[in-house]
Amino acid sequence: MMSDVVIDYEKEHFPIGKPTVAQLIQLSLDEKNMSQKQLASEIGVSPSRISDYVSGRAEPTLKIARLLCMTLGITPSAMLGY
């Protein structure tokens, strides 16, 4: 019973939001010990473009998002924010 109270309290006062596309990419890069430059090379974009995605300055196109999902192991639903 006490754990239910704690869970309810945390949901109300400390909700955990869904990660942004930028956060998903950075977390996946960290998990795979991959640099932005390596990722750029694998999916065929410039390193500066990957930097734009990671910083949140740009959102990937659907084609690039698909490549990111396949390369980094991100689920499409997470990439789309579901």
C-alpha atoms as a PDB file:
ATOM      1  CA  MET A   1       0.000   0.000   0.000  1.00  0.00           C
ATOM      2  CA  MET A   2       2.834   2.396   0.822  1.00  0.00           C
ATOM      3  CA  SER A   3       4.401   1.894  -2.602  1.00  0.00           C
ATOM      4  CA  ASP A   4       1.110   2.926  -4.253  1.00  0.00           C
ATOM      5  CA  VAL A   5       1.152   6.160  -2.262  1.00  0.00           C
ATOM      6  CA  VAL A   6       4.733   6.858  -3.312  1.00  0.00           C
ATOM      7  CA  ILE A   7       3.975   6.114  -6.979  1.00  0.00           C
ATOM      8  CA  ASP A   8       0.935   8.412  -6.948  1.00  0.00           C
ATOM      9  CA  TYR A   9       2.951  11.168  -5.267  1.00  0.00           C
ATOM     10  CA  GLU A  10       5.768  10.898  -7.813  1.00  0.00           C
ATOM     11  CA  LYS A  11       3.351  10.951 -10.741  1.00  0.00           C
ATOM     12  CA  GLU A  12       1.744  14.111  -9.418  1.00  0.00           C
ATOM     13  CA  HIS A  13       4.809  16.037  -8.249  1.00  0.00           C
ATOM     14  CA  PHE A  14       7.671  14.643 -10.338  1.00  0.00           C
ATOM     15  CA  PRO A  15       6.250  13.526 -13.680  1.00  0.00           C
ATOM     16  CA  ILE A  16       8.691  12.093 -16.189  1.00  0.00           C
ATOM     17  CA  GLY A  17       8.050  13.538 -19.615  1.00  0.00           C
ATOM     18  CA  LYS A  18       8.729  11.874 -22.905  1.00  0.00           C
ATOM     19  CA  PRO A  19      12.197  12.554 -24.325  1.00  0.00           C
ATOM     20  CA  THR A  20      12.579  14.873 -27.277  1.00  0.00           C
ATOM     21  CA  VAL A  21      14.025  13.707 -30.585  1.00  0.00           C
ATOM     22  CA  ALA A  22      17.262  15.473 -29.658  1.00  0.00           C
ATOM     23  CA  GLN A  23      17.428  13.646 -26.324  1.00  0.00           C
ATOM     24  CA  LEU A  24      16.661  10.298 -27.975  1.00  0.00           C
ATOM     25  CA  ILE A  25      19.480  10.738 -30.459  1.00  0.00           C
ATOM     26  CA  GLN A  26      21.994  11.842 -27.806  1.00  0.00           C
ATOM     27  CA  LEU A  27      21.047   9.020 -25.422  1.00  0.00           C
ATOM     28  CA  SER A  28      21.354   6.457 -28.207  1.00  0.00           C
ATOM     29  CA  LEU A  29      24.730   7.841 -29.267  1.00  0.00           C
ATOM     30  CA  ASP A  30      25.944   7.605 -25.678  1.00  0.00           C
ATOM     31  CA  GLU A  31      24.649   4.034 -25.294  1.00  0.00           C
ATOM     32  CA  LYS A  32      26.406   2.929 -28.477  1.00  0.00           C
ATOM     33  CA  ASN A  33      29.601   4.916 -27.752  1.00  0.00           C
ATOM     34  CA  MET A  34      29.173   6.467 -31.192  1.00  0.00           C
ATOM     35  CA  SER A  35      30.232   9.968 -32.163  1.00  0.00           C
ATOM     36  CA  GLN A  36      28.068  12.371 -34.096  1.00  0.00           C
ATOM     37  CA  LYS A  37      30.620  12.169 -36.898  1.00  0.00           C
ATOM     38  CA  GLN A  38      30.300   8.358 -37.066  1.00  0.00           C
ATOM     39  CA  LEU A  39      26.510   8.610 -37.141  1.00  0.00           C
ATOM     40  CA  ALA A  40      26.649  11.213 -39.889  1.00  0.00           C
ATOM     41  CA  SER A  41      28.853   8.943 -41.973  1.00  0.00           C
ATOM     42  CA  GLU A  42      26.562   5.941 -41.480  1.00  0.00           C
ATOM     43  CA  ILE A  43      23.356   7.700 -42.499  1.00  0.00           C
ATOM     44  CA  GLY A  44      24.855   9.935 -45.185  1.00  0.00           C
ATOM     45  CA  VAL A  45      24.424  13.436 -43.767  1.00  0.00           C
ATOM     46  CA  SER A  46      26.914  16.060 -42.649  1.00  0.00           C
ATOM     47  CA  PRO A  47      28.192  16.073 -39.070  1.00  0.00           C
ATOM     48  CA  SER A  48      26.814  19.606 -38.682  1.00  0.00           C
ATOM     49  CA  ARG A  49      23.352  18.282 -39.532  1.00  0.00           C
ATOM     50  CA  ILE A  50      23.603  15.689 -36.757  1.00  0.00           C
ATOM     51  CA  SER A  51      24.694  18.484 -34.432  1.00  0.00           C
ATOM     52  CA  ASP A  52      21.553  20.411 -35.427  1.00  0.00           C
ATOM     53  CA  TYR A  53      19.394  17.393 -34.540  1.00  0.00           C
ATOM     54  CA  VAL A  54      21.122  16.803 -31.203  1.00  0.00           C
ATOM     55  CA  SER A  55      20.922  20.462 -30.208  1.00  0.00           C
ATOM     56  CA  GLY A  56      17.263  20.692 -31.197  1.00  0.00           C
ATOM     57  CA  ARG A  57      17.875  23.348 -33.860  1.00  0.00           C
ATOM     58  CA  ALA A  58      16.405  21.069 -36.535  1.00  0.00           C
ATOM     59  CA  GLU A  59      14.058  18.091 -36.770  1.00  0.00           C
ATOM     60  CA  PRO A  60      14.976  15.187 -39.064  1.00  0.00           C
ATOM     61  CA  THR A  61      12.918  14.497 -42.151  1.00  0.00           C
ATOM     62  CA  LEU A  62      10.903  11.292 -42.216  1.00  0.00           C
ATOM     63  CA  LYS A  63      13.587   9.613 -44.344  1.00  0.00           C
ATOM     64  CA  ILE A  64      16.377  10.643 -41.957  1.00  0.00           C
ATOM     65  CA  ALA A  65      14.271   9.734 -38.918  1.00  0.00           C
ATOM     66  CA  ARG A  66      13.869   6.241 -40.380  1.00  0.00           C
ATOM     67  CA  LEU A  67      17.637   5.927 -40.841  1.00  0.00           C
ATOM     68  CA  LEU A  68      18.231   7.183 -37.310  1.00  0.00           C
ATOM     69  CA  CYS A  69      15.813   4.598 -35.928  1.00  0.00           C
ATOM     70  CA  MET A  70      17.477   1.764 -37.824  1.00  0.00           C
ATOM     71  CA  THR A  71      21.038   2.852 -37.023  1.00  0.00           C
ATOM     72  CA  LEU A  72      20.539   3.766 -33.368  1.00  0.00           C
ATOM     73  CA  GLY A  73      17.879   1.208 -32.452  1.00  0.00           C
ATOM     74  CA  ILE A  74      15.265   3.818 -31.587  1.00  0.00           C
ATOM     75  CA  THR A  75      11.679   2.642 -31.924  1.00  0.00           C
ATOM     76  CA  PRO A  76       9.661   4.585 -34.495  1.00  0.00           C
ATOM     77  CA  SER A  77       6.946   5.260 -31.914  1.00  0.00           C
ATOM     78  CA  ALA A  78       9.511   6.891 -29.595  1.00  0.00           C
ATOM     79  CA  MET A  79      10.839   8.994 -32.473  1.00  0.00           C
ATOM     80  CA  LEU A  80       7.290  10.151 -33.224  1.00  0.00           C
ATOM     81  CA  GLY A  81       6.653  10.958 -29.572  1.00  0.00           C
ATOM     82  CA  TYR A  82       4.140   8.238 -28.713  1.00  0.00           C
END
